[in-house]
Amino acid sequence: MKQTYTWKLTFSFCLILVLFSAGIILCEQYQEKKYKTEAMEDRLDDYTEIIHKYIRMHSGEPVLDMEDLLSVLPAHLRFTWIDNSGKVLYDNQLNINSPVESHADRPEIREAAKTGKGSDIRVSASTTKEYLYYAKHLGNRYIRVALPYDIEVKHFLNPDNVFLYYLLLLLSFSILFMYYTAVRFGKTIRQLRDYSNAITHNLSVHTPHFPDDEIGEISKHIAEDHRHLKQELTGNIAHELRTPVTGIRGYLETILYNHLDRKKEHEFVGKAYEQILTLSELIRDMSLLSKINESPGSFQLKPIILQPIIEKVTTDLDEALREKNIVIFSTVPSGLAVLGNENLLYSVFRNLIDNVINYAGENTTIQIRQYDQEGKFAFFSFSDNGTGIKDERHLPRLFERFYRVEEGRSRDTGGSGLGLSIVKNVIIFHGGTISVKNLDTGGLEFLFSLQVG
């Protein structure tokens, strides 16, 4: 285990924690500032209502005296009375006898004209001071109040940093804990690796010195497992051979010991012939599997262009494909070569297409494509839009010899029951891997890899 593993693990978790914490901080500060701004605006809104009531109460007076009003308002509060055209009628901090530009384009006035109230923080063009403005549209006038955006207002609006400090402290402790956990985890991994290496070394070096009774016990278990596997395989083979042989015998006995007309006799001979083909196919497939497993050196490997093999399989199965109305689309690059054996690669696509013909149903489309290439391996997808397999518990066992999703399925539809097992063994022989899954749109998808030639 390299030391960098600890740092990589720590860095990954810390990055997640930092990003998560940053998101929380930004969200919390935004929300807190928003709430405080709304609270400040509520205060300013109360001032506008006081001013509005005072103006209404003294609206009949020839000259409106603002001194009484200003005496009940905060000394640092700026108050501006603006008509609907934007003309400033009164401002407690300006001499309105001097020309004052229209305030109709001020952000808080524009917003108040649309929604009834508006606010803004900016430097005043009249006094060159920074204010928090709040304006309210009341009938034929705007009443605007403003507080200097000084230290007091900034402190009120700025989010409370107690939560920030608490979160940063928690983040620091989390990072330290994560580093400690990564160190311990890395140490455990190193110990497991060393322990595994020690076991491997002891098995390779000291096995000849084991007591005879222990060696005998190990050999006994290995022999017992081998015997069970051999019995199971032999039983499966006998079972699969018995079916076509029994069929052939029954049809021939019927012909020999019964007086049949020429038509019926011909029908029984045809059925016997079909069973002979099934038997021949089964023997051929078993022979191929045996040769792959026991004599892999008999297969020569060389660069093989894949697309002509797919075309040959399609041509050979043309009649069966047309009978089921199955269409094949291959987008495998025409010049793509893989390192392999031509006959074995043919058997891969032959068995995959046979599987679709036998089980996918009619009016099916087959897609064959190369979807990736990494290093010396090319990755392929073989998919169809047929019936698929409803119970996904069967999927991991599809590559087992003679395994059937439904009993009698292969016998009813043809095939030896070894097709997908051959496909898997051929792919493994070529150094690749293969898996199968159900598609959401229906049908199966086989994903496999082959070495680029």
Protein backbone atom coordinates (compact mmCIF):
# COMPACT_ATOMS: atom_id res chain seq x y z
CA MET A 1 0.00 0.00 0.00
CA LYS A 2 1.60 3.25 -1.06
CA GLN A 3 1.65 6.16 1.37
CA THR A 4 -0.14 8.28 -1.21
CA TYR A 5 -3.26 6.16 -0.70
CA THR A 6 -3.83 7.80 2.70
CA TRP A 7 -3.48 11.27 1.22
CA LYS A 8 -5.71 10.48 -1.74
CA LEU A 9 -8.45 9.14 0.51
CA THR A 10 -8.13 12.09 2.91
CA PHE A 11 -8.12 14.63 0.09
CA SER A 12 -11.23 13.12 -1.54
CA PHE A 13 -13.28 13.18 1.66
CA CYS A 14 -11.98 16.60 2.69
CA LEU A 15 -12.89 18.05 -0.71
CA ILE A 16 -16.43 16.73 -0.30
CA LEU A 17 -16.63 18.17 3.24
CA VAL A 18 -15.25 21.57 2.17
CA LEU A 19 -17.65 21.87 -0.75
CA PHE A 20 -20.58 20.80 1.42
CA SER A 21 -19.61 23.23 4.19
CA ALA A 22 -19.09 26.09 1.72
CA GLY A 23 -22.56 25.49 0.33
CA ILE A 24 -24.06 25.55 3.83
CA ILE A 25 -22.17 28.74 4.77
CA LEU A 26 -23.19 30.60 1.62
CA CYS A 27 -26.82 29.52 1.95
CA GLU A 28 -26.94 30.37 5.67
CA GLN A 29 -25.33 33.79 5.23
CA TYR A 30 -27.60 34.64 2.32
CA GLN A 31 -30.70 33.66 4.30
CA GLU A 32 -29.59 35.50 7.45
CA LYS A 33 -28.73 38.67 5.56
CA LYS A 34 -32.06 38.42 3.77
CA TYR A 35 -33.95 38.13 7.06
CA LYS A 36 -32.06 41.06 8.61
CA THR A 37 -32.62 43.23 5.55
CA GLU A 38 -36.33 42.48 5.74
CA ALA A 39 -36.32 43.37 9.44
CA MET A 40 -34.59 46.70 8.72
CA GLU A 41 -37.04 47.43 5.90
CA ASP A 42 -39.92 46.76 8.29
CA ARG A 43 -38.50 49.44 10.60
CA LEU A 44 -38.15 51.87 7.71
CA ASP A 45 -41.67 51.01 6.60
CA ASP A 46 -42.93 52.06 10.05
CA TYR A 47 -41.21 55.46 9.59
CA THR A 48 -42.89 55.95 6.20
CA GLU A 49 -46.30 55.28 7.80
CA ILE A 50 -45.60 57.83 10.57
CA ILE A 51 -44.57 60.42 7.96
CA HIS A 52 -47.58 59.62 5.75
CA LYS A 53 -50.04 60.04 8.64
CA TYR A 54 -48.42 63.32 9.68
CA ILE A 55 -48.67 64.71 6.13
CA ARG A 56 -52.33 63.67 5.85
CA MET A 57 -53.16 65.23 9.22
CA HIS A 58 -51.64 68.57 8.21
CA SER A 59 -52.56 68.54 4.54
CA GLY A 60 -54.98 71.49 4.97
CA GLU A 61 -52.29 73.80 6.36
CA PRO A 62 -50.87 76.42 3.95
CA VAL A 63 -47.29 75.61 4.94
CA LEU A 64 -46.40 72.18 6.26
CA ASP A 65 -44.12 72.48 9.29
CA MET A 66 -41.81 69.45 9.39
CA GLU A 67 -40.03 70.32 12.63
CA ASP A 68 -42.59 68.54 14.81
CA LEU A 69 -42.32 65.48 12.60
CA LEU A 70 -38.53 65.41 12.60
CA SER A 71 -38.47 65.63 16.37
CA VAL A 72 -40.05 62.15 16.66
CA LEU A 73 -37.84 60.55 14.02
CA PRO A 74 -34.23 59.35 14.52
CA ALA A 75 -31.77 62.20 14.07
CA HIS A 76 -29.77 60.33 11.42
CA LEU A 77 -32.85 59.37 9.38
CA ARG A 78 -33.09 61.01 5.98
CA PHE A 79 -36.62 61.71 4.77
CA THR A 80 -37.60 62.65 1.21
CA TRP A 81 -41.04 63.54 -0.13
CA ILE A 82 -41.34 62.96 -3.90
CA ASP A 83 -44.33 63.41 -6.20
CA ASN A 84 -45.37 60.95 -8.90
CA SER A 85 -43.31 62.73 -11.55
CA GLY A 86 -40.12 62.30 -9.51
CA LYS A 87 -39.90 65.92 -8.32
CA VAL A 88 -38.46 66.32 -4.81
CA LEU A 89 -40.99 68.23 -2.67
CA TYR A 90 -39.05 67.98 0.54
CA ASP A 91 -35.80 66.54 1.87
CA ASN A 92 -34.63 67.11 5.41
CA GLN A 93 -30.98 67.05 4.33
CA LEU A 94 -31.23 69.08 1.13
CA ASN A 95 -32.03 72.65 0.24
CA ILE A 96 -34.86 72.10 -2.22
CA ASN A 97 -34.74 75.80 -3.20
CA SER A 98 -31.67 74.83 -5.17
CA PRO A 99 -32.23 72.79 -8.34
CA VAL A 100 -32.58 69.09 -7.49
CA GLU A 101 -32.63 66.55 -10.29
CA SER A 102 -35.62 64.27 -10.74
CA HIS A 103 -35.63 61.15 -8.57
CA ALA A 104 -37.90 59.18 -10.90
CA ASP A 105 -34.96 57.04 -12.09
CA ARG A 106 -33.74 56.07 -8.61
CA PRO A 107 -33.80 52.26 -8.21
CA GLU A 108 -35.96 52.31 -5.06
CA ILE A 109 -38.45 54.72 -6.73
CA ARG A 110 -38.69 52.61 -9.89
CA GLU A 111 -39.26 49.47 -7.80
CA ALA A 112 -41.87 51.27 -5.64
CA ALA A 113 -43.69 52.40 -8.78
CA LYS A 114 -44.03 48.74 -9.84
CA THR A 115 -44.61 46.92 -6.55
CA GLY A 116 -45.58 49.67 -4.09
CA LYS A 117 -42.25 49.64 -2.23
CA GLY A 118 -38.58 49.36 -3.03
CA SER A 119 -35.13 49.46 -1.45
CA ASP A 120 -31.53 49.99 -2.48
CA ILE A 121 -28.05 50.46 -0.99
CA ARG A 122 -25.93 53.04 -2.81
CA VAL A 123 -24.02 56.30 -2.54
CA SER A 124 -26.30 59.36 -2.74
CA ALA A 125 -25.66 61.61 -5.74
CA SER A 126 -26.83 64.58 -3.64
CA THR A 127 -24.90 64.09 -0.40
CA THR A 128 -22.16 61.65 -1.57
CA LYS A 129 -22.95 59.45 1.44
CA GLU A 130 -23.84 55.76 1.32
CA TYR A 131 -27.43 55.04 2.38
CA LEU A 132 -29.87 52.19 2.79
CA TYR A 133 -32.92 53.61 0.97
CA TYR A 134 -36.52 52.51 1.39
CA ALA A 135 -39.33 54.06 -0.67
CA LYS A 136 -43.09 53.57 -0.54
CA HIS A 137 -45.72 54.69 -3.03
CA LEU A 138 -48.68 56.23 -1.17
CA GLY A 139 -51.35 57.67 -3.46
CA ASN A 140 -49.96 60.70 -5.30
CA ARG A 141 -46.59 60.73 -3.59
CA TYR A 142 -43.53 58.67 -2.74
CA ILE A 143 -42.21 58.76 0.78
CA ARG A 144 -38.61 57.69 0.96
CA VAL A 145 -36.56 57.20 4.10
CA ALA A 146 -32.88 56.36 4.33
CA LEU A 147 -30.35 55.42 6.97
CA PRO A 148 -26.62 56.04 6.53
CA TYR A 149 -25.02 52.71 5.66
CA ASP A 150 -22.50 53.11 8.43
CA ILE A 151 -20.92 50.64 10.83
CA GLU A 152 -24.11 50.25 12.85
CA VAL A 153 -26.32 49.41 9.86
CA LYS A 154 -23.66 47.16 8.32
CA HIS A 155 -23.33 45.30 11.60
CA PHE A 156 -27.10 44.85 11.73
CA LEU A 157 -27.27 43.55 8.16
CA ASN A 158 -24.13 41.39 8.22
CA PRO A 159 -24.81 37.75 9.10
CA ASP A 160 -23.98 36.51 12.56
CA ASN A 161 -20.56 34.87 12.35
CA VAL A 162 -21.03 32.59 15.38
CA PHE A 163 -22.49 29.90 13.14
CA LEU A 164 -19.61 30.36 10.68
CA TYR A 165 -16.99 29.91 13.40
CA TYR A 166 -18.80 26.87 14.74
CA LEU A 167 -18.98 25.28 11.28
CA LEU A 168 -15.30 25.98 10.56
CA LEU A 169 -14.35 24.41 13.87
CA LEU A 170 -16.49 21.37 13.10
CA LEU A 171 -14.94 21.14 9.62
CA SER A 172 -11.42 21.21 11.11
CA PHE A 173 -12.25 18.38 13.50
CA SER A 174 -13.86 16.42 10.65
CA ILE A 175 -10.75 16.77 8.48
CA LEU A 176 -8.50 15.60 11.33
CA PHE A 177 -10.81 12.67 12.04
CA MET A 178 -10.91 11.77 8.33
CA TYR A 179 -7.12 11.82 8.14
CA TYR A 180 -6.90 9.63 11.24
CA THR A 181 -9.44 7.20 9.74
CA ALA A 182 -7.59 7.11 6.39
CA VAL A 183 -4.30 6.35 8.17
CA ARG A 184 -5.90 3.53 10.15
CA PHE A 185 -7.66 2.19 7.04
CA GLY A 186 -4.44 2.29 5.04
CA LYS A 187 -2.63 0.48 7.83
CA THR A 188 -5.31 -2.23 7.89
CA ILE A 189 -5.07 -2.66 4.11
CA ARG A 190 -1.28 -3.00 4.33
CA GLN A 191 -1.64 -5.60 7.07
CA LEU A 192 -4.13 -7.59 5.01
CA ARG A 193 -1.83 -7.43 1.99
CA ASP A 194 1.19 -8.55 4.02
CA TYR A 195 -0.87 -11.34 5.57
CA SER A 196 -2.04 -12.49 2.14
CA ASN A 197 1.52 -12.44 0.80
CA ALA A 198 2.69 -14.43 3.81
CA ILE A 199 0.03 -17.08 3.25
CA THR A 200 0.91 -17.32 -0.44
CA HIS A 201 4.60 -17.59 0.38
CA ASN A 202 4.01 -20.31 2.97
CA LEU A 203 1.85 -22.30 0.59
CA SER A 204 4.41 -22.10 -2.19
CA VAL A 205 7.49 -22.74 -0.04
CA HIS A 206 6.39 -24.96 2.80
CA THR A 207 3.75 -27.18 1.25
CA PRO A 208 6.24 -30.08 0.72
CA HIS A 209 6.99 -30.04 4.46
CA PHE A 210 3.34 -30.33 5.60
CA PRO A 211 2.58 -33.49 7.56
CA ASP A 212 1.50 -36.35 5.36
CA ASP A 213 -1.93 -36.54 6.99
CA GLU A 214 -2.60 -32.81 6.24
CA ILE A 215 -1.48 -33.17 2.63
CA GLY A 216 -3.67 -36.24 2.30
CA GLU A 217 -6.68 -34.34 3.73
CA ILE A 218 -6.18 -31.44 1.29
CA SER A 219 -5.82 -33.83 -1.64
CA LYS A 220 -8.94 -35.68 -0.51
CA HIS A 221 -11.01 -32.49 -0.51
CA ILE A 222 -9.69 -31.48 -3.93
CA ALA A 223 -10.43 -34.94 -5.33
CA GLU A 224 -13.91 -34.91 -3.78
CA ASP A 225 -14.74 -31.50 -5.33
CA HIS A 226 -13.39 -32.67 -8.68
CA ARG A 227 -15.48 -35.84 -8.46
CA HIS A 228 -18.66 -33.87 -7.72
CA LEU A 229 -18.04 -31.51 -10.63
CA LYS A 230 -17.32 -34.45 -12.93
CA GLN A 231 -20.45 -36.29 -11.81
CA GLU A 232 -22.58 -33.19 -12.32
CA LEU A 233 -21.18 -32.56 -15.79
CA THR A 234 -21.52 -36.23 -16.76
CA GLY A 235 -25.10 -36.28 -15.51
CA ASN A 236 -25.95 -33.16 -17.50
CA ILE A 237 -24.37 -34.57 -20.65
CA ALA A 238 -26.17 -37.91 -20.26
CA HIS A 239 -29.46 -36.11 -19.69
CA GLU A 240 -29.01 -33.94 -22.77
CA LEU A 241 -27.94 -36.90 -24.95
CA ARG A 242 -30.81 -39.06 -23.75
CA THR A 243 -33.47 -36.71 -25.10
CA PRO A 244 -32.53 -36.74 -28.82
CA VAL A 245 -31.49 -40.43 -28.70
CA THR A 246 -34.84 -41.40 -27.17
CA GLY A 247 -36.63 -39.37 -29.82
CA ILE A 248 -34.70 -40.98 -32.67
CA ARG A 249 -35.36 -44.47 -31.27
CA GLY A 250 -39.07 -43.79 -30.88
CA TYR A 251 -39.53 -42.51 -34.41
CA LEU A 252 -37.53 -45.40 -35.95
CA GLU A 253 -39.38 -48.03 -33.91
CA THR A 254 -42.68 -46.56 -35.06
CA ILE A 255 -41.57 -46.83 -38.68
CA LEU A 256 -40.19 -50.38 -38.30
CA TYR A 257 -43.01 -51.98 -36.32
CA ASN A 258 -46.02 -50.21 -37.76
CA HIS A 259 -47.49 -50.22 -41.24
CA LEU A 260 -47.47 -46.51 -42.12
CA ASP A 261 -48.38 -44.85 -45.38
CA ARG A 262 -45.63 -43.09 -47.31
CA LYS A 263 -46.65 -39.62 -46.08
CA LYS A 264 -46.64 -40.58 -42.38
CA GLU A 265 -43.43 -42.54 -42.77
CA HIS A 266 -41.75 -39.56 -44.40
CA GLU A 267 -42.96 -37.33 -41.54
CA PHE A 268 -41.42 -39.61 -38.89
CA VAL A 269 -38.17 -39.88 -40.82
CA GLY A 270 -38.03 -36.07 -40.93
CA LYS A 271 -38.55 -35.84 -37.16
CA ALA A 272 -35.84 -38.43 -36.54
CA TYR A 273 -33.54 -36.42 -38.78
CA GLU A 274 -34.21 -33.26 -36.76
CA GLN A 275 -33.25 -35.11 -33.57
CA ILE A 276 -30.06 -36.35 -35.26
CA LEU A 277 -29.19 -32.73 -36.11
CA THR A 278 -29.79 -31.75 -32.47
CA LEU A 279 -27.57 -34.63 -31.32
CA SER A 280 -24.88 -33.67 -33.82
CA GLU A 281 -25.00 -30.04 -32.66
CA LEU A 282 -24.74 -31.11 -29.02
CA ILE A 283 -21.71 -33.34 -29.70
CA ARG A 284 -20.08 -30.59 -31.74
CA ASP A 285 -20.57 -28.00 -28.99
CA MET A 286 -19.32 -30.33 -26.24
CA SER A 287 -16.27 -31.11 -28.33
CA LEU A 288 -15.56 -27.41 -28.85
CA LEU A 289 -15.87 -26.62 -25.12
CA SER A 290 -13.62 -29.55 -24.25
CA LYS A 291 -11.01 -28.42 -26.77
CA ILE A 292 -11.06 -24.81 -25.47
CA ASN A 293 -10.56 -25.94 -21.87
CA GLU A 294 -8.15 -28.82 -22.38
CA SER A 295 -6.20 -27.94 -25.54
CA PRO A 296 -6.15 -24.13 -25.85
CA GLY A 297 -2.80 -24.31 -27.66
CA SER A 298 -4.45 -25.92 -30.67
CA PHE A 299 -6.11 -22.59 -31.58
CA GLN A 300 -3.88 -20.15 -33.44
CA LEU A 301 -4.31 -16.45 -32.72
CA LYS A 302 -3.76 -13.72 -35.28
CA PRO A 303 -5.20 -10.30 -36.17
CA ILE A 304 -8.76 -10.85 -37.43
CA ILE A 305 -10.98 -8.15 -38.94
CA LEU A 306 -14.26 -8.53 -37.12
CA GLN A 307 -16.85 -7.11 -39.52
CA PRO A 308 -16.50 -9.86 -42.21
CA ILE A 309 -17.13 -12.50 -39.52
CA ILE A 310 -20.38 -10.75 -38.50
CA GLU A 311 -21.41 -10.56 -42.15
CA LYS A 312 -20.66 -14.28 -42.67
CA VAL A 313 -22.78 -15.28 -39.64
CA THR A 314 -25.61 -13.05 -40.91
CA THR A 315 -25.44 -14.68 -44.34
CA ASP A 316 -25.36 -18.22 -42.91
CA LEU A 317 -28.42 -17.50 -40.74
CA ASP A 318 -30.26 -15.45 -43.35
CA GLU A 319 -33.17 -17.91 -43.77
CA ALA A 320 -33.79 -18.23 -40.00
CA LEU A 321 -33.54 -14.43 -39.59
CA ARG A 322 -36.03 -13.75 -42.39
CA GLU A 323 -38.41 -16.36 -40.98
CA LYS A 324 -38.54 -14.51 -37.64
CA ASN A 325 -38.29 -11.06 -39.29
CA ILE A 326 -35.10 -10.27 -37.34
CA VAL A 327 -32.91 -7.40 -38.58
CA ILE A 328 -29.22 -6.99 -37.69
CA PHE A 329 -27.51 -3.58 -37.53
CA SER A 330 -23.74 -3.61 -37.06
CA THR A 331 -21.74 -0.41 -36.56
CA VAL A 332 -18.47 -2.17 -35.76
CA PRO A 333 -15.72 -0.25 -37.65
CA SER A 334 -14.96 -2.01 -40.93
CA GLY A 335 -11.20 -1.99 -40.34
CA LEU A 336 -11.21 -3.01 -36.67
CA ALA A 337 -9.00 -6.04 -36.07
CA VAL A 338 -8.84 -8.12 -32.92
CA LEU A 339 -6.31 -10.72 -31.83
CA GLY A 340 -8.13 -14.01 -32.04
CA ASN A 341 -9.09 -17.22 -33.77
CA GLU A 342 -11.48 -16.83 -36.68
CA ASN A 343 -13.50 -20.00 -36.03
CA LEU A 344 -13.91 -19.21 -32.34
CA LEU A 345 -14.93 -15.62 -33.01
CA TYR A 346 -17.43 -16.90 -35.55
CA SER A 347 -18.89 -19.16 -32.83
CA VAL A 348 -19.34 -16.14 -30.52
CA PHE A 349 -21.56 -14.20 -32.92
CA ARG A 350 -23.21 -17.37 -34.26
CA ASN A 351 -24.33 -18.43 -30.78
CA LEU A 352 -25.41 -14.93 -29.75
CA ILE A 353 -27.55 -14.54 -32.87
CA ASP A 354 -28.88 -18.11 -32.48
CA ASN A 355 -29.91 -17.16 -28.95
CA VAL A 356 -31.94 -14.24 -30.31
CA ILE A 357 -33.53 -16.40 -33.02
CA ASN A 358 -34.53 -19.09 -30.52
CA TYR A 359 -35.74 -16.98 -27.61
CA ALA A 360 -36.18 -13.26 -28.40
CA GLY A 361 -39.34 -13.58 -30.47
CA GLU A 362 -40.31 -12.24 -33.86
CA ASN A 363 -39.84 -8.73 -35.32
CA THR A 364 -36.67 -8.21 -33.31
CA THR A 365 -33.77 -5.87 -33.99
CA ILE A 366 -30.16 -6.77 -33.13
CA GLN A 367 -27.58 -4.02 -32.54
CA ILE A 368 -23.86 -4.84 -32.64
CA ARG A 369 -21.48 -1.98 -31.87
CA GLN A 370 -18.11 -1.07 -30.44
CA TYR A 371 -18.79 1.40 -27.63
CA ASP A 372 -15.30 1.97 -26.23
CA GLN A 373 -11.60 1.20 -26.52
CA GLU A 374 -9.14 1.40 -23.66
CA GLY A 375 -5.52 0.33 -23.92
CA LYS A 376 -5.28 -2.97 -25.77
CA PHE A 377 -8.97 -3.85 -25.35
CA ALA A 378 -11.99 -2.96 -27.46
CA PHE A 379 -15.42 -3.12 -25.82
CA PHE A 380 -18.51 -4.35 -27.66
CA SER A 381 -22.26 -4.42 -27.12
CA PHE A 382 -24.59 -7.06 -28.57
CA SER A 383 -28.21 -6.16 -27.80
CA ASP A 384 -31.73 -6.96 -28.94
CA ASN A 385 -35.17 -5.54 -28.23
CA GLY A 386 -36.86 -8.89 -27.74
CA THR A 387 -38.61 -10.44 -24.76
CA GLY A 388 -35.61 -10.39 -22.40
CA ILE A 389 -35.69 -12.33 -19.13
CA LYS A 390 -38.30 -11.18 -16.64
CA ASP A 391 -36.73 -12.78 -13.55
CA GLU A 392 -33.25 -11.26 -13.30
CA ARG A 393 -32.12 -13.97 -10.88
CA HIS A 394 -31.51 -16.12 -13.97
CA LEU A 395 -29.07 -13.66 -15.58
CA PRO A 396 -25.88 -14.66 -13.68
CA ARG A 397 -26.46 -18.33 -14.63
CA LEU A 398 -27.09 -17.90 -18.35
CA PHE A 399 -23.47 -18.84 -19.15
CA GLU A 400 -23.63 -22.15 -17.26
CA ARG A 401 -23.60 -25.36 -19.31
CA PHE A 402 -27.07 -26.73 -20.01
CA TYR A 403 -28.73 -24.09 -17.80
CA ARG A 404 -32.28 -23.27 -18.82
CA VAL A 405 -34.46 -20.40 -17.67
CA GLU A 406 -37.42 -22.74 -18.24
CA GLU A 407 -37.21 -26.51 -18.28
CA GLY A 408 -37.31 -27.85 -21.82
CA ARG A 409 -36.80 -24.37 -23.30
CA SER A 410 -33.77 -25.31 -25.43
CA ARG A 411 -35.28 -28.60 -26.55
CA ASP A 412 -38.50 -26.96 -27.74
CA THR A 413 -36.75 -24.23 -29.68
CA GLY A 414 -33.62 -26.05 -30.81
CA GLY A 415 -30.04 -25.64 -29.66
CA SER A 416 -27.71 -27.67 -27.50
CA GLY A 417 -27.96 -25.60 -24.31
CA LEU A 418 -24.25 -24.85 -24.57
CA GLY A 419 -24.29 -21.77 -26.81
CA LEU A 420 -23.79 -19.05 -24.20
CA SER A 421 -21.32 -21.23 -22.29
CA ILE A 422 -19.26 -21.44 -25.48
CA VAL A 423 -19.51 -17.67 -25.90
CA LYS A 424 -18.17 -17.05 -22.40
CA ASN A 425 -15.36 -19.60 -22.70
CA VAL A 426 -14.27 -18.18 -26.06
CA ILE A 427 -14.25 -14.62 -24.71
CA ILE A 428 -12.20 -15.71 -21.66
CA PHE A 429 -9.85 -17.68 -23.94
CA HIS A 430 -9.23 -14.42 -25.84
CA GLY A 431 -8.40 -12.60 -22.59
CA GLY A 432 -11.67 -10.67 -22.38
CA THR A 433 -14.70 -10.57 -20.10
CA ILE A 434 -18.43 -10.79 -20.75
CA SER A 435 -21.60 -9.87 -18.83
CA VAL A 436 -25.31 -9.70 -19.55
CA LYS A 437 -28.13 -7.44 -18.40
CA ASN A 438 -31.76 -6.67 -19.16
CA LEU A 439 -32.48 -3.48 -21.09
CA ASP A 440 -35.15 -1.05 -19.88
CA THR A 441 -36.61 -1.05 -23.39
CA GLY A 442 -36.79 -4.86 -23.45
CA GLY A 443 -34.38 -7.54 -24.58
CA LEU A 444 -30.87 -8.43 -23.42
CA GLU A 445 -27.52 -6.71 -23.81
CA PHE A 446 -24.24 -8.64 -23.78
CA LEU A 447 -21.16 -6.54 -23.02
CA PHE A 448 -17.80 -8.10 -23.82
CA SER A 449 -14.20 -7.17 -24.56
CA LEU A 450 -11.59 -8.44 -27.00
CA GLN A 451 -7.92 -7.61 -27.49
CA VAL A 452 -7.18 -5.30 -30.37
CA GLY A 453 -5.07 -6.98 -33.02
